[in-house]
Each structure stands twice: as structure tokens, then as C-alpha cells.
Amino acid sequence: MRWLADNIKKGSSADAASAVTVHLEAAFSAAHYAGTEAELARLVLPVIEPWLSAPVLHVGLHRWKFSEPTTAHAEPDVWRAEIGLGLAGDGFGGPHVEGAALSALALVDRMAETAHT
């Protein structure tokens, strides 16, 4: 398990019944990508149940095959001023939303420098 979050506490669920979001490690996800929801529940539930204060009533599985980069570009962004093209994101700044945000900010800085020259 990479992380587990209570959806009410993170603000993505206003329902009285709590729900959690669990993100699994990339290697585990890749190895078990073709598994059924029931197969994955049998593997994952014993790991997460100690963190929960109530029994699991329902499991919903979502797969994002390309949810994070497997390799990252060495620079935080790519900016080609001569053609006005820039690329940013987690494939440059590192996985997770923070890496994507930092990459975008780096690109904005480079674009601004070009605009002032």
C-alpha cells in the first residue's frame, strides 16, 4: 500500500458513510494489473483492515495503467521558445501532483524569462 485516505477528511466525500481511497505501490499494481476485483481484494484487504475503524462493505477498483511515469526526464520541463512549445508534468518533475506542479512552475518561469528577453 502506498497510501490510504479517509475521503471525508480529505474533502472528497460529504456522505455520512465513510469511504477510503487506497493507492497501491506501482510494482504491486503492475504485477496484479490483470487480476479481478475479488482477487485483488483478497490480497489488499488484510493489509488495510488494521487501519480501518469499520468493516469493509464494498470494494470498487479503478485502474490507471499510465497513472505515473516509469522514468522521469532529467530536466523539470522542456521549453522550446523558437516554436513556442513547452512540456511539463509528473514525467518531468517527479511523480505525484507535487512533481507535476513543480514542473509546471519551472516551465512558467522559463517562459517568462523568454518573454522578457
C-alpha atoms as a PDB file:
ATOM      1  CA  MET A   1       0.000   0.000   0.000  1.00  0.00           C
ATOM      2  CA  ARG A   2       1.333   3.404  -0.938  1.00  0.00           C
ATOM      3  CA  TRP A   3      -1.233   5.428   0.998  1.00  0.00           C
ATOM      4  CA  LEU A   4      -4.742   5.333   2.396  1.00  0.00           C
ATOM      5  CA  ALA A   5      -7.019   8.340   2.933  1.00  0.00           C
ATOM      6  CA  ASP A   6     -10.428   8.897   4.514  1.00  0.00           C
ATOM      7  CA  ASN A   7     -12.468  10.589   1.776  1.00  0.00           C
ATOM      8  CA  ILE A   8     -14.480  12.646   4.271  1.00  0.00           C
ATOM      9  CA  LYS A   9     -11.328  14.026   5.890  1.00  0.00           C
ATOM     10  CA  LYS A  10      -9.742  14.846   2.541  1.00  0.00           C
ATOM     11  CA  GLY A  11     -12.952  16.583   1.442  1.00  0.00           C
ATOM     12  CA  SER A  12     -13.939  14.370  -1.479  1.00  0.00           C
ATOM     13  CA  SER A  13     -16.970  12.767   0.195  1.00  0.00           C
ATOM     14  CA  ALA A  14     -19.699  14.507   2.150  1.00  0.00           C
ATOM     15  CA  ASP A  15     -21.729  11.351   2.783  1.00  0.00           C
ATOM     16  CA  ALA A  16     -22.364  10.183   6.338  1.00  0.00           C
ATOM     17  CA  ALA A  17     -20.903   6.788   5.432  1.00  0.00           C
ATOM     18  CA  SER A  18     -17.156   6.947   5.191  1.00  0.00           C
ATOM     19  CA  ALA A  19     -15.149   5.723   2.241  1.00  0.00           C
ATOM     20  CA  VAL A  20     -11.430   5.348   1.857  1.00  0.00           C
ATOM     21  CA  THR A  21      -9.152   5.626  -1.128  1.00  0.00           C
ATOM     22  CA  VAL A  22      -6.194   3.269  -1.260  1.00  0.00           C
ATOM     23  CA  HIS A  23      -3.321   3.700  -3.677  1.00  0.00           C
ATOM     24  CA  LEU A  24      -1.114   0.671  -4.141  1.00  0.00           C
ATOM     25  CA  GLU A  25       2.591   0.569  -4.887  1.00  0.00           C
ATOM     26  CA  ALA A  26       3.448   0.756  -8.586  1.00  0.00           C
ATOM     27  CA  ALA A  27       5.247  -2.597  -8.631  1.00  0.00           C
ATOM     28  CA  PHE A  28       2.316  -4.383  -6.963  1.00  0.00           C
ATOM     29  CA  SER A  29      -0.153  -2.704  -9.316  1.00  0.00           C
ATOM     30  CA  ALA A  30       1.848  -3.666 -12.398  1.00  0.00           C
ATOM     31  CA  ALA A  31       2.207  -7.263 -11.236  1.00  0.00           C
ATOM     32  CA  HIS A  32      -1.521  -7.603 -10.484  1.00  0.00           C
ATOM     33  CA  TYR A  33      -2.998  -5.360 -13.180  1.00  0.00           C
ATOM     34  CA  ALA A  34      -4.933  -8.186 -14.834  1.00  0.00           C
ATOM     35  CA  GLY A  35      -6.337  -9.512 -11.551  1.00  0.00           C
ATOM     36  CA  THR A  36     -10.035  -9.400 -10.857  1.00  0.00           C
ATOM     37  CA  GLU A  37     -11.524  -7.111  -8.242  1.00  0.00           C
ATOM     38  CA  ALA A  38     -12.157 -10.121  -5.969  1.00  0.00           C
ATOM     39  CA  GLU A  39      -8.579 -11.396  -6.352  1.00  0.00           C
ATOM     40  CA  LEU A  40      -7.114  -8.004  -5.524  1.00  0.00           C
ATOM     41  CA  ALA A  41      -9.481  -7.518  -2.589  1.00  0.00           C
ATOM     42  CA  ARG A  42      -8.248 -10.813  -1.095  1.00  0.00           C
ATOM     43  CA  LEU A  43      -4.662  -9.555  -1.337  1.00  0.00           C
ATOM     44  CA  VAL A  44      -5.206  -5.945  -0.254  1.00  0.00           C
ATOM     45  CA  LEU A  45      -7.902  -6.076   2.427  1.00  0.00           C
ATOM     46  CA  PRO A  46      -5.747  -7.862   5.032  1.00  0.00           C
ATOM     47  CA  VAL A  47      -3.166  -5.100   4.633  1.00  0.00           C
ATOM     48  CA  ILE A  48      -5.579  -2.174   5.006  1.00  0.00           C
ATOM     49  CA  GLU A  49      -8.109  -3.531   7.510  1.00  0.00           C
ATOM     50  CA  PRO A  50      -5.894  -2.800  10.547  1.00  0.00           C
ATOM     51  CA  TRP A  51      -6.026   0.895   9.564  1.00  0.00           C
ATOM     52  CA  LEU A  52      -9.829   0.997   9.377  1.00  0.00           C
ATOM     53  CA  SER A  53     -12.294   1.540  12.201  1.00  0.00           C
ATOM     54  CA  ALA A  54     -15.168  -0.284  10.474  1.00  0.00           C
ATOM     55  CA  PRO A  55     -15.596  -3.390   8.333  1.00  0.00           C
ATOM     56  CA  VAL A  56     -15.275  -3.123   4.549  1.00  0.00           C
ATOM     57  CA  LEU A  57     -18.721  -3.254   2.969  1.00  0.00           C
ATOM     58  CA  HIS A  58     -17.844  -2.644  -0.677  1.00  0.00           C
ATOM     59  CA  VAL A  59     -14.743  -2.597  -2.837  1.00  0.00           C
ATOM     60  CA  GLY A  60     -14.512  -0.563  -6.022  1.00  0.00           C
ATOM     61  CA  LEU A  61     -11.436  -0.971  -8.175  1.00  0.00           C
ATOM     62  CA  HIS A  62     -10.154   1.670 -10.592  1.00  0.00           C
ATOM     63  CA  ARG A  63      -7.168   1.018 -12.796  1.00  0.00           C
ATOM     64  CA  TRP A  64      -4.979   3.720 -14.281  1.00  0.00           C
ATOM     65  CA  LYS A  65      -2.428   1.921 -16.423  1.00  0.00           C
ATOM     66  CA  PHE A  66      -0.431   5.090 -17.031  1.00  0.00           C
ATOM     67  CA  SER A  67      -1.028   6.734 -13.661  1.00  0.00           C
ATOM     68  CA  GLU A  68       2.593   7.671 -13.061  1.00  0.00           C
ATOM     69  CA  PRO A  69       5.743   7.825 -15.130  1.00  0.00           C
ATOM     70  CA  THR A  70       8.083   4.854 -15.123  1.00  0.00           C
ATOM     71  CA  THR A  71      11.010   7.153 -15.914  1.00  0.00           C
ATOM     72  CA  ALA A  72      11.408  10.893 -15.497  1.00  0.00           C
ATOM     73  CA  HIS A  73      13.024  13.381 -17.831  1.00  0.00           C
ATOM     74  CA  ALA A  74      16.278  14.750 -16.387  1.00  0.00           C
ATOM     75  CA  GLU A  75      15.095  18.370 -16.540  1.00  0.00           C
ATOM     76  CA  PRO A  76      11.985  19.689 -14.728  1.00  0.00           C
ATOM     77  CA  ASP A  77      10.427  20.778 -18.027  1.00  0.00           C
ATOM     78  CA  VAL A  78      11.048  21.249 -21.733  1.00  0.00           C
ATOM     79  CA  TRP A  79      10.730  24.691 -23.321  1.00  0.00           C
ATOM     80  CA  ARG A  80      11.397  25.383 -26.975  1.00  0.00           C
ATOM     81  CA  ALA A  81      10.990  29.142 -27.286  1.00  0.00           C
ATOM     82  CA  GLU A  82      11.672  29.101 -31.029  1.00  0.00           C
ATOM     83  CA  ILE A  83       8.414  27.233 -31.656  1.00  0.00           C
ATOM     84  CA  GLY A  84       6.513  28.258 -28.519  1.00  0.00           C
ATOM     85  CA  LEU A  85       6.236  24.710 -27.200  1.00  0.00           C
ATOM     86  CA  GLY A  86       6.563  23.671 -23.592  1.00  0.00           C
ATOM     87  CA  LEU A  87       6.071  20.373 -21.805  1.00  0.00           C
ATOM     88  CA  ALA A  88       5.657  19.890 -18.076  1.00  0.00           C
ATOM     89  CA  GLY A  89       4.161  17.373 -15.696  1.00  0.00           C
ATOM     90  CA  ASP A  90       4.972  14.442 -13.464  1.00  0.00           C
ATOM     91  CA  GLY A  91       7.128  12.901 -16.206  1.00  0.00           C
ATOM     92  CA  PHE A  92       9.492  15.831 -15.682  1.00  0.00           C
ATOM     93  CA  GLY A  93       9.116  16.991 -12.087  1.00  0.00           C
ATOM     94  CA  GLY A  94       8.574  13.613 -10.493  1.00  0.00           C
ATOM     95  CA  PRO A  95       5.522  11.526  -9.692  1.00  0.00           C
ATOM     96  CA  HIS A  96       2.561  12.808  -7.730  1.00  0.00           C
ATOM     97  CA  VAL A  97       0.734  16.086  -8.039  1.00  0.00           C
ATOM     98  CA  GLU A  98       3.579  17.926  -6.323  1.00  0.00           C
ATOM     99  CA  GLY A  99       6.058  16.916  -9.019  1.00  0.00           C
ATOM    100  CA  ALA A 100       3.665  17.963 -11.757  1.00  0.00           C
ATOM    101  CA  ALA A 101       3.054  21.326 -10.047  1.00  0.00           C
ATOM    102  CA  LEU A 102       6.771  21.990  -9.572  1.00  0.00           C
ATOM    103  CA  SER A 103       7.391  21.119 -13.202  1.00  0.00           C
ATOM    104  CA  ALA A 104       4.658  23.498 -14.350  1.00  0.00           C
ATOM    105  CA  LEU A 105       6.059  26.288 -12.195  1.00  0.00           C
ATOM    106  CA  ALA A 106       9.535  25.716 -13.637  1.00  0.00           C
ATOM    107  CA  LEU A 107       8.116  25.918 -17.157  1.00  0.00           C
ATOM    108  CA  VAL A 108       6.241  29.134 -16.366  1.00  0.00           C
ATOM    109  CA  ASP A 109       9.494  30.668 -15.096  1.00  0.00           C
ATOM    110  CA  ARG A 110      11.314  29.695 -18.286  1.00  0.00           C
ATOM    111  CA  MET A 111       8.508  31.045 -20.452  1.00  0.00           C
ATOM    112  CA  ALA A 112       8.555  34.317 -18.518  1.00  0.00           C
ATOM    113  CA  GLU A 113      12.314  34.641 -18.960  1.00  0.00           C
ATOM    114  CA  THR A 114      11.895  34.215 -22.705  1.00  0.00           C
ATOM    115  CA  ALA A 115       9.149  36.824 -22.811  1.00  0.00           C
ATOM    116  CA  HIS A 116      11.393  39.392 -21.071  1.00  0.00           C
ATOM    117  CA  THR A 117      14.381  38.919 -23.363  1.00  0.00           C
END
